[in-house]
Amino acid sequence: MSMSIGLLVLVLQIPGCASLKEKRGRLKPLLARLHKTFNLSVAEVDDLDIWGRAVVACVLVSNEATHTRRVLQKVAGWVEKEWLDLELEDYQIEML
């Protein structure tokens, strides 16, 4: 059996965010859209109490490592280009 698990960690800046409630309101649509569009498991995993910053993890399981890496790279590019409400500060892909 062949299986590939990929982890994408996105470090996001949230410009002009003034509360945790606003932060959650701006992140929730992104997390839902990532899950729906790319069929990923997605969660905010760090900097939970910092208003202007979020660390989001995306996990993808497939049967081919090259496919997994390609999709995760596409996700990072999509967030940077399409999600103008947030700024992608950094990202990291790890194959597990």
PDB file of N, CA and C in Angstrom:
ATOM      1  N   MET A   1       0.848  -1.176   0.000  1.00  0.00           N
ATOM      2  CA  MET A   1       0.000   0.000   0.000  1.00  0.00           C
ATOM      3  C   MET A   1       0.893   1.239   0.000  1.00  0.00           C
ATOM      4  N   SER A   2       0.559   2.178  -0.865  1.00  0.00           N
ATOM      5  CA  SER A   2       1.304   3.426  -0.960  1.00  0.00           C
ATOM      6  C   SER A   2       0.446   4.563  -0.428  1.00  0.00           C
ATOM      7  N   MET A   3       1.042   5.359   0.473  1.00  0.00           N
ATOM      8  CA  MET A   3       0.297   6.462   1.062  1.00  0.00           C
ATOM      9  C   MET A   3       1.252   7.630   1.275  1.00  0.00           C
ATOM     10  N   SER A   4       0.732   8.828   1.032  1.00  0.00           N
ATOM     11  CA  SER A   4       1.516  10.047   1.218  1.00  0.00           C
ATOM     12  C   SER A   4       0.717  11.019   2.075  1.00  0.00           C
ATOM     13  N   ILE A   5       1.365  11.548   3.103  1.00  0.00           N
ATOM     14  CA  ILE A   5       0.739  12.541   3.971  1.00  0.00           C
ATOM     15  C   ILE A   5       1.578  13.810   3.900  1.00  0.00           C
ATOM     16  N   GLY A   6       0.927  14.906   3.570  1.00  0.00           N
ATOM     17  CA  GLY A   6       1.626  16.181   3.468  1.00  0.00           C
ATOM     18  C   GLY A   6       1.030  17.193   4.426  1.00  0.00           C
ATOM     19  N   LEU A   7       1.914  17.980   5.028  1.00  0.00           N
ATOM     20  CA  LEU A   7       1.513  19.031   5.962  1.00  0.00           C
ATOM     21  C   LEU A   7       1.979  20.370   5.414  1.00  0.00           C
ATOM     22  N   LEU A   8       1.061  21.302   5.308  1.00  0.00           N
ATOM     23  CA  LEU A   8       1.366  22.673   4.901  1.00  0.00           C
ATOM     24  C   LEU A   8       1.057  23.575   6.087  1.00  0.00           C
ATOM     25  N   VAL A   9       2.042  24.349   6.510  1.00  0.00           N
ATOM     26  CA  VAL A   9       1.844  25.312   7.591  1.00  0.00           C
ATOM     27  C   VAL A   9       1.930  26.711   6.988  1.00  0.00           C
ATOM     28  N   LEU A  10       0.856  27.471   7.130  1.00  0.00           N
ATOM     29  CA  LEU A  10       0.773  28.830   6.615  1.00  0.00           C
ATOM     30  C   LEU A  10       0.881  29.818   7.776  1.00  0.00           C
ATOM     31  N   VAL A  11       1.768  30.782   7.667  1.00  0.00           N
ATOM     32  CA  VAL A  11       1.872  31.851   8.656  1.00  0.00           C
ATOM     33  C   VAL A  11       1.251  33.084   8.005  1.00  0.00           C
ATOM     34  N   LEU A  12       0.167  33.563   8.596  1.00  0.00           N
ATOM     35  CA  LEU A  12      -0.621  34.636   8.006  1.00  0.00           C
ATOM     36  C   LEU A  12      -0.622  35.882   8.878  1.00  0.00           C
ATOM     37  N   GLN A  13      -0.543  37.034   8.248  1.00  0.00           N
ATOM     38  CA  GLN A  13      -0.746  38.312   8.912  1.00  0.00           C
ATOM     39  C   GLN A  13      -2.167  38.756   8.587  1.00  0.00           C
ATOM     40  N   ILE A  14      -2.835  39.353   9.582  1.00  0.00           N
ATOM     41  CA  ILE A  14      -4.212  39.812   9.402  1.00  0.00           C
ATOM     42  C   ILE A  14      -4.224  41.325   9.618  1.00  0.00           C
ATOM     43  N   PRO A  15      -4.016  42.095   8.557  1.00  0.00           N
ATOM     44  CA  PRO A  15      -3.907  43.548   8.690  1.00  0.00           C
ATOM     45  C   PRO A  15      -5.185  44.171   9.258  1.00  0.00           C
ATOM     46  N   GLY A  16      -4.997  45.122  10.167  1.00  0.00           N
ATOM     47  CA  GLY A  16      -6.119  45.874  10.699  1.00  0.00           C
ATOM     48  C   GLY A  16      -7.030  45.124  11.644  1.00  0.00           C
ATOM     49  N   CYS A  17      -6.636  43.960  12.069  1.00  0.00           N
ATOM     50  CA  CYS A  17      -7.466  43.160  12.960  1.00  0.00           C
ATOM     51  C   CYS A  17      -7.409  43.750  14.369  1.00  0.00           C
ATOM     52  N   ALA A  18      -8.602  43.973  14.982  1.00  0.00           N
ATOM     53  CA  ALA A  18      -8.649  44.664  16.262  1.00  0.00           C
ATOM     54  C   ALA A  18      -9.196  43.823  17.407  1.00  0.00           C
ATOM     55  N   SER A  19      -9.510  42.558  17.151  1.00  0.00           N
ATOM     56  CA  SER A  19     -10.019  41.706  18.228  1.00  0.00           C
ATOM     57  C   SER A  19      -9.929  40.243  17.816  1.00  0.00           C
ATOM     58  N   LEU A  20     -10.026  39.367  18.800  1.00  0.00           N
ATOM     59  CA  LEU A  20     -10.042  37.938  18.497  1.00  0.00           C
ATOM     60  C   LEU A  20     -11.304  37.563  17.735  1.00  0.00           C
ATOM     61  N   LYS A  21     -12.412  38.206  18.045  1.00  0.00           N
ATOM     62  CA  LYS A  21     -13.663  37.937  17.340  1.00  0.00           C
ATOM     63  C   LYS A  21     -13.520  38.277  15.853  1.00  0.00           C
ATOM     64  N   GLU A  22     -12.907  39.407  15.563  1.00  0.00           N
ATOM     65  CA  GLU A  22     -12.681  39.791  14.168  1.00  0.00           C
ATOM     66  C   GLU A  22     -11.731  38.805  13.491  1.00  0.00           C
ATOM     67  N   LYS A  23     -10.696  38.388  14.206  1.00  0.00           N
ATOM     68  CA  LYS A  23      -9.744  37.418  13.667  1.00  0.00           C
ATOM     69  C   LYS A  23     -10.462  36.142  13.263  1.00  0.00           C
ATOM     70  N   ARG A  24     -11.292  35.607  14.158  1.00  0.00           N
ATOM     71  CA  ARG A  24     -12.027  34.372  13.853  1.00  0.00           C
ATOM     72  C   ARG A  24     -12.972  34.573  12.672  1.00  0.00           C
ATOM     73  N   GLY A  25     -13.589  35.740  12.624  1.00  0.00           N
ATOM     74  CA  GLY A  25     -14.497  36.037  11.522  1.00  0.00           C
ATOM     75  C   GLY A  25     -13.802  36.115  10.176  1.00  0.00           C
ATOM     76  N   ARG A  26     -12.564  36.541  10.162  1.00  0.00           N
ATOM     77  CA  ARG A  26     -11.810  36.629   8.907  1.00  0.00           C
ATOM     78  C   ARG A  26     -11.158  35.302   8.537  1.00  0.00           C
ATOM     79  N   LEU A  27     -10.833  34.480   9.534  1.00  0.00           N
ATOM     80  CA  LEU A  27     -10.212  33.181   9.251  1.00  0.00           C
ATOM     81  C   LEU A  27     -11.217  32.104   8.865  1.00  0.00           C
ATOM     82  N   LYS A  28     -12.384  32.138   9.485  1.00  0.00           N
ATOM     83  CA  LYS A  28     -13.373  31.068   9.278  1.00  0.00           C
ATOM     84  C   LYS A  28     -13.712  30.850   7.795  1.00  0.00           C
ATOM     85  N   PRO A  29     -13.969  31.906   7.007  1.00  0.00           N
ATOM     86  CA  PRO A  29     -14.249  31.683   5.584  1.00  0.00           C
ATOM     87  C   PRO A  29     -13.063  31.066   4.831  1.00  0.00           C
ATOM     88  N   LEU A  30     -11.853  31.465   5.197  1.00  0.00           N
ATOM     89  CA  LEU A  30     -10.668  30.887   4.554  1.00  0.00           C
ATOM     90  C   LEU A  30     -10.574  29.397   4.846  1.00  0.00           C
ATOM     91  N   LEU A  31     -10.723  29.017   6.100  1.00  0.00           N
ATOM     92  CA  LEU A  31     -10.619  27.609   6.469  1.00  0.00           C
ATOM     93  C   LEU A  31     -11.682  26.777   5.754  1.00  0.00           C
ATOM     94  N   ALA A  32     -12.903  27.282   5.701  1.00  0.00           N
ATOM     95  CA  ALA A  32     -13.984  26.564   5.019  1.00  0.00           C
ATOM     96  C   ALA A  32     -13.706  26.436   3.528  1.00  0.00           C
ATOM     97  N   ARG A  33     -13.207  27.512   2.927  1.00  0.00           N
ATOM     98  CA  ARG A  33     -12.933  27.491   1.482  1.00  0.00           C
ATOM     99  C   ARG A  33     -11.774  26.551   1.144  1.00  0.00           C
ATOM    100  N   LEU A  34     -10.741  26.533   1.968  1.00  0.00           N
ATOM    101  CA  LEU A  34      -9.628  25.606   1.745  1.00  0.00           C
ATOM    102  C   LEU A  34     -10.117  24.161   1.798  1.00  0.00           C
ATOM    103  N   HIS A  35     -10.937  23.865   2.789  1.00  0.00           N
ATOM    104  CA  HIS A  35     -11.464  22.502   2.926  1.00  0.00           C
ATOM    105  C   HIS A  35     -12.304  22.124   1.714  1.00  0.00           C
ATOM    106  N   LYS A  36     -13.188  23.018   1.305  1.00  0.00           N
ATOM    107  CA  LYS A  36     -14.094  22.732   0.191  1.00  0.00           C
ATOM    108  C   LYS A  36     -13.371  22.657  -1.154  1.00  0.00           C
ATOM    109  N   THR A  37     -12.487  23.612  -1.408  1.00  0.00           N
ATOM    110  CA  THR A  37     -11.825  23.709  -2.712  1.00  0.00           C
ATOM    111  C   THR A  37     -10.752  22.639  -2.917  1.00  0.00           C
ATOM    112  N   PHE A  38      -9.962  22.379  -1.875  1.00  0.00           N
ATOM    113  CA  PHE A  38      -8.817  21.483  -2.037  1.00  0.00           C
ATOM    114  C   PHE A  38      -8.972  20.148  -1.308  1.00  0.00           C
ATOM    115  N   ASN A  39     -10.097  19.937  -0.628  1.00  0.00           N
ATOM    116  CA  ASN A  39     -10.360  18.699   0.101  1.00  0.00           C
ATOM    117  C   ASN A  39      -9.262  18.404   1.126  1.00  0.00           C
ATOM    118  N   LEU A  40      -8.969  19.405   1.945  1.00  0.00           N
ATOM    119  CA  LEU A  40      -7.928  19.318   2.968  1.00  0.00           C
ATOM    120  C   LEU A  40      -8.558  19.306   4.354  1.00  0.00           C
ATOM    121  N   SER A  41      -7.819  18.801   5.308  1.00  0.00           N
ATOM    122  CA  SER A  41      -8.143  19.042   6.707  1.00  0.00           C
ATOM    123  C   SER A  41      -7.395  20.314   7.104  1.00  0.00           C
ATOM    124  N   VAL A  42      -8.096  21.253   7.721  1.00  0.00           N
ATOM    125  CA  VAL A  42      -7.534  22.571   7.992  1.00  0.00           C
ATOM    126  C   VAL A  42      -7.884  23.005   9.409  1.00  0.00           C
ATOM    127  N   ALA A  43      -6.910  23.629  10.104  1.00  0.00           N
ATOM    128  CA  ALA A  43      -7.161  24.157  11.447  1.00  0.00           C
ATOM    129  C   ALA A  43      -6.162  25.244  11.777  1.00  0.00           C
ATOM    130  N   GLU A  44      -6.594  26.196  12.603  1.00  0.00           N
ATOM    131  CA  GLU A  44      -5.671  27.173  13.173  1.00  0.00           C
ATOM    132  C   GLU A  44      -4.948  26.468  14.315  1.00  0.00           C
ATOM    133  N   VAL A  45      -3.615  26.499  14.307  1.00  0.00           N
ATOM    134  CA  VAL A  45      -2.857  25.681  15.261  1.00  0.00           C
ATOM    135  C   VAL A  45      -1.930  26.460  16.197  1.00  0.00           C
ATOM    136  N   ASP A  46      -1.689  27.734  15.940  1.00  0.00           N
ATOM    137  CA  ASP A  46      -0.774  28.489  16.792  1.00  0.00           C
ATOM    138  C   ASP A  46      -1.138  29.966  16.742  1.00  0.00           C
ATOM    139  N   ASP A  47      -0.568  30.732  17.665  1.00  0.00           N
ATOM    140  CA  ASP A  47      -0.838  32.167  17.790  1.00  0.00           C
ATOM    141  C   ASP A  47      -2.339  32.435  17.937  1.00  0.00           C
ATOM    142  N   LEU A  48      -3.004  31.575  18.692  1.00  0.00           N
ATOM    143  CA  LEU A  48      -4.457  31.640  18.834  1.00  0.00           C
ATOM    144  C   LEU A  48      -4.933  32.932  19.482  1.00  0.00           C
ATOM    145  N   ASP A  49      -4.140  33.522  20.356  1.00  0.00           N
ATOM    146  CA  ASP A  49      -4.552  34.721  21.075  1.00  0.00           C
ATOM    147  C   ASP A  49      -3.924  36.006  20.543  1.00  0.00           C
ATOM    148  N   ILE A  50      -3.269  35.924  19.403  1.00  0.00           N
ATOM    149  CA  ILE A  50      -2.648  37.114  18.801  1.00  0.00           C
ATOM    150  C   ILE A  50      -3.574  37.612  17.689  1.00  0.00           C
ATOM    151  N   TRP A  51      -4.055  38.831  17.827  1.00  0.00           N
ATOM    152  CA  TRP A  51      -5.055  39.365  16.915  1.00  0.00           C
ATOM    153  C   TRP A  51      -4.620  39.400  15.463  1.00  0.00           C
ATOM    154  N   GLY A  52      -3.424  39.861  15.192  1.00  0.00           N
ATOM    155  CA  GLY A  52      -3.008  40.129  13.823  1.00  0.00           C
ATOM    156  C   GLY A  52      -2.207  39.029  13.158  1.00  0.00           C
ATOM    157  N   ARG A  53      -2.220  37.846  13.732  1.00  0.00           N
ATOM    158  CA  ARG A  53      -1.391  36.766  13.190  1.00  0.00           C
ATOM    159  C   ARG A  53      -2.100  35.432  13.396  1.00  0.00           C
ATOM    160  N   ALA A  54      -1.933  34.525  12.435  1.00  0.00           N
ATOM    161  CA  ALA A  54      -2.507  33.192  12.552  1.00  0.00           C
ATOM    162  C   ALA A  54      -1.568  32.178  11.924  1.00  0.00           C
ATOM    163  N   VAL A  55      -1.515  31.008  12.507  1.00  0.00           N
ATOM    164  CA  VAL A  55      -0.779  29.893  11.934  1.00  0.00           C
ATOM    165  C   VAL A  55      -1.807  28.807  11.638  1.00  0.00           C
ATOM    166  N   VAL A  56      -1.906  28.440  10.364  1.00  0.00           N
ATOM    167  CA  VAL A  56      -2.910  27.497   9.904  1.00  0.00           C
ATOM    168  C   VAL A  56      -2.204  26.265   9.339  1.00  0.00           C
ATOM    169  N   ALA A  57      -2.686  25.087   9.731  1.00  0.00           N
ATOM    170  CA  ALA A  57      -2.138  23.832   9.217  1.00  0.00           C
ATOM    171  C   ALA A  57      -3.148  23.201   8.272  1.00  0.00           C
ATOM    172  N   CYS A  58      -2.633  22.699   7.148  1.00  0.00           N
ATOM    173  CA  CYS A  58      -3.447  21.994   6.157  1.00  0.00           C
ATOM    174  C   CYS A  58      -2.807  20.624   5.955  1.00  0.00           C
ATOM    175  N   VAL A  59      -3.607  19.581   5.999  1.00  0.00           N
ATOM    176  CA  VAL A  59      -3.094  18.227   5.828  1.00  0.00           C
ATOM    177  C   VAL A  59      -3.825  17.561   4.671  1.00  0.00           C
ATOM    178  N   LEU A  60      -3.055  16.894   3.826  1.00  0.00           N
ATOM    179  CA  LEU A  60      -3.604  16.177   2.682  1.00  0.00           C
ATOM    180  C   LEU A  60      -3.046  14.767   2.663  1.00  0.00           C
ATOM    181  N   VAL A  61      -3.899  13.798   2.449  1.00  0.00           N
ATOM    182  CA  VAL A  61      -3.492  12.404   2.316  1.00  0.00           C
ATOM    183  C   VAL A  61      -3.838  11.959   0.905  1.00  0.00           C
ATOM    184  N   SER A  62      -2.879  11.351   0.229  1.00  0.00           N
ATOM    185  CA  SER A  62      -3.135  10.807  -1.107  1.00  0.00           C
ATOM    186  C   SER A  62      -2.263   9.578  -1.310  1.00  0.00           C
ATOM    187  N   ASN A  63      -2.348   8.999  -2.494  1.00  0.00           N
ATOM    188  CA  ASN A  63      -1.558   7.800  -2.765  1.00  0.00           C
ATOM    189  C   ASN A  63      -0.262   8.093  -3.515  1.00  0.00           C
ATOM    190  N   GLU A  64       0.044   9.380  -3.731  1.00  0.00           N
ATOM    191  CA  GLU A  64       1.252   9.736  -4.477  1.00  0.00           C
ATOM    192  C   GLU A  64       1.889  10.996  -3.897  1.00  0.00           C
ATOM    193  N   ALA A  65       3.142  10.909  -3.531  1.00  0.00           N
ATOM    194  CA  ALA A  65       3.843  12.022  -2.885  1.00  0.00           C
ATOM    195  C   ALA A  65       3.944  13.249  -3.791  1.00  0.00           C
ATOM    196  N   THR A  66       4.182  13.049  -5.075  1.00  0.00           N
ATOM    197  CA  THR A  66       4.302  14.206  -5.976  1.00  0.00           C
ATOM    198  C   THR A  66       2.974  14.952  -6.083  1.00  0.00           C
ATOM    199  N   HIS A  67       1.884  14.219  -6.107  1.00  0.00           N
ATOM    200  CA  HIS A  67       0.559  14.847  -6.144  1.00  0.00           C
ATOM    201  C   HIS A  67       0.327  15.656  -4.863  1.00  0.00           C
ATOM    202  N   THR A  68       0.656  15.060  -3.726  1.00  0.00           N
ATOM    203  CA  THR A  68       0.467  15.721  -2.437  1.00  0.00           C
ATOM    204  C   THR A  68       1.244  17.025  -2.383  1.00  0.00           C
ATOM    205  N   ARG A  69       2.511  16.984  -2.743  1.00  0.00           N
ATOM    206  CA  ARG A  69       3.353  18.188  -2.713  1.00  0.00           C
ATOM    207  C   ARG A  69       2.828  19.253  -3.692  1.00  0.00           C
ATOM    208  N   ARG A  70       2.437  18.824  -4.873  1.00  0.00           N
ATOM    209  CA  ARG A  70       1.938  19.758  -5.892  1.00  0.00           C
ATOM    210  C   ARG A  70       0.668  20.472  -5.398  1.00  0.00           C
ATOM    211  N   VAL A  71      -0.245  19.738  -4.797  1.00  0.00           N
ATOM    212  CA  VAL A  71      -1.482  20.339  -4.295  1.00  0.00           C
ATOM    213  C   VAL A  71      -1.179  21.326  -3.173  1.00  0.00           C
ATOM    214  N   LEU A  72      -0.294  20.962  -2.246  1.00  0.00           N
ATOM    215  CA  LEU A  72       0.030  21.852  -1.134  1.00  0.00           C
ATOM    216  C   LEU A  72       0.717  23.125  -1.618  1.00  0.00           C
ATOM    217  N   GLN A  73       1.569  23.026  -2.633  1.00  0.00           N
ATOM    218  CA  GLN A  73       2.182  24.218  -3.214  1.00  0.00           C
ATOM    219  C   GLN A  73       1.128  25.095  -3.884  1.00  0.00           C
ATOM    220  N   LYS A  74       0.166  24.451  -4.530  1.00  0.00           N
ATOM    221  CA  LYS A  74      -0.926  25.186  -5.170  1.00  0.00           C
ATOM    222  C   LYS A  74      -1.762  25.924  -4.119  1.00  0.00           C
ATOM    223  N   VAL A  75      -1.994  25.290  -2.982  1.00  0.00           N
ATOM    224  CA  VAL A  75      -2.749  25.916  -1.897  1.00  0.00           C
ATOM    225  C   VAL A  75      -2.043  27.182  -1.413  1.00  0.00           C
ATOM    226  N   ALA A  76      -0.744  27.097  -1.171  1.00  0.00           N
ATOM    227  CA  ALA A  76       0.015  28.259  -0.704  1.00  0.00           C
ATOM    228  C   ALA A  76      -0.064  29.398  -1.718  1.00  0.00           C
ATOM    229  N   GLY A  77       0.096  29.085  -2.980  1.00  0.00           N
ATOM    230  CA  GLY A  77      -0.014  30.107  -4.028  1.00  0.00           C
ATOM    231  C   GLY A  77      -1.406  30.701  -4.114  1.00  0.00           C
ATOM    232  N   TRP A  78      -2.416  29.866  -3.951  1.00  0.00           N
ATOM    233  CA  TRP A  78      -3.805  30.325  -3.993  1.00  0.00           C
ATOM    234  C   TRP A  78      -4.091  31.294  -2.851  1.00  0.00           C
ATOM    235  N   VAL A  79      -3.645  30.963  -1.657  1.00  0.00           N
ATOM    236  CA  VAL A  79      -3.861  31.850  -0.508  1.00  0.00           C
ATOM    237  C   VAL A  79      -3.181  33.196  -0.752  1.00  0.00           C
ATOM    238  N   GLU A  80      -1.974  33.157  -1.261  1.00  0.00           N
ATOM    239  CA  GLU A  80      -1.217  34.396  -1.489  1.00  0.00           C
ATOM    240  C   GLU A  80      -1.856  35.272  -2.562  1.00  0.00           C
ATOM    241  N   LYS A  81      -2.363  34.663  -3.639  1.00  0.00           N
ATOM    242  CA  LYS A  81      -2.882  35.433  -4.769  1.00  0.00           C
ATOM    243  C   LYS A  81      -4.363  35.759  -4.654  1.00  0.00           C
ATOM    244  N   GLU A  82      -5.143  34.847  -4.109  1.00  0.00           N
ATOM    245  CA  GLU A  82      -6.597  34.985  -4.139  1.00  0.00           C
ATOM    246  C   GLU A  82      -7.214  35.513  -2.858  1.00  0.00           C
ATOM    247  N   TRP A  83      -6.569  35.300  -1.731  1.00  0.00           N
ATOM    248  CA  TRP A  83      -7.173  35.688  -0.455  1.00  0.00           C
ATOM    249  C   TRP A  83      -6.562  37.019  -0.012  1.00  0.00           C
ATOM    250  N   LEU A  84      -7.069  38.094  -0.565  1.00  0.00           N
ATOM    251  CA  LEU A  84      -6.464  39.411  -0.392  1.00  0.00           C
ATOM    252  C   LEU A  84      -6.706  40.011   0.984  1.00  0.00           C
ATOM    253  N   ASP A  85      -7.595  39.421   1.773  1.00  0.00           N
ATOM    254  CA  ASP A  85      -7.904  39.894   3.122  1.00  0.00           C
ATOM    255  C   ASP A  85      -6.759  39.598   4.099  1.00  0.00           C
ATOM    256  N   LEU A  86      -5.906  38.635   3.743  1.00  0.00           N
ATOM    257  CA  LEU A  86      -4.804  38.197   4.598  1.00  0.00           C
ATOM    258  C   LEU A  86      -3.496  38.270   3.822  1.00  0.00           C
ATOM    259  N   GLU A  87      -2.380  38.331   4.559  1.00  0.00           N
ATOM    260  CA  GLU A  87      -1.066  38.334   3.909  1.00  0.00           C
ATOM    261  C   GLU A  87      -0.318  37.066   4.299  1.00  0.00           C
ATOM    262  N   LEU A  88       0.147  36.333   3.300  1.00  0.00           N
ATOM    263  CA  LEU A  88       0.942  35.131   3.551  1.00  0.00           C
ATOM    264  C   LEU A  88       2.367  35.554   3.872  1.00  0.00           C
ATOM    265  N   GLU A  89       2.748  35.401   5.127  1.00  0.00           N
ATOM    266  CA  GLU A  89       4.092  35.786   5.574  1.00  0.00           C
ATOM    267  C   GLU A  89       5.109  34.704   5.228  1.00  0.00           C
ATOM    268  N   ASP A  90       4.711  33.453   5.427  1.00  0.00           N
ATOM    269  CA  ASP A  90       5.624  32.327   5.203  1.00  0.00           C
ATOM    270  C   ASP A  90       4.805  31.051   5.112  1.00  0.00           C
ATOM    271  N   TYR A  91       5.387  30.025   4.512  1.00  0.00           N
ATOM    272  CA  TYR A  91       4.764  28.715   4.527  1.00  0.00           C
ATOM    273  C   TYR A  91       5.838  27.639   4.486  1.00  0.00           C
ATOM    274  N   GLN A  92       5.456  26.467   4.947  1.00  0.00           N
ATOM    275  CA  GLN A  92       6.383  25.333   4.968  1.00  0.00           C
ATOM    276  C   GLN A  92       5.601  24.073   4.615  1.00  0.00           C
ATOM    277  N   ILE A  93       6.179  23.255   3.759  1.00  0.00           N
ATOM    278  CA  ILE A  93       5.588  21.965   3.404  1.00  0.00           C
ATOM    279  C   ILE A  93       6.469  20.868   3.953  1.00  0.00           C
ATOM    280  N   GLU A  94       5.842  19.913   4.606  1.00  0.00           N
ATOM    281  CA  GLU A  94       6.559  18.769   5.161  1.00  0.00           C
ATOM    282  C   GLU A  94       5.838  17.498   4.746  1.00  0.00           C
ATOM    283  N   MET A  95       6.591  16.558   4.243  1.00  0.00           N
ATOM    284  CA  MET A  95       6.017  15.262   3.865  1.00  0.00           C
ATOM    285  C   MET A  95       6.248  14.306   5.035  1.00  0.00           C
ATOM    286  N   LEU A  96       5.170  13.676   5.485  1.00  0.00           N
ATOM    287  CA  LEU A  96       5.243  12.783   6.638  1.00  0.00           C
ATOM    288  C   LEU A  96       5.229  11.328   6.212  1.00  0.00           C
TER     289      LEU A  96
END
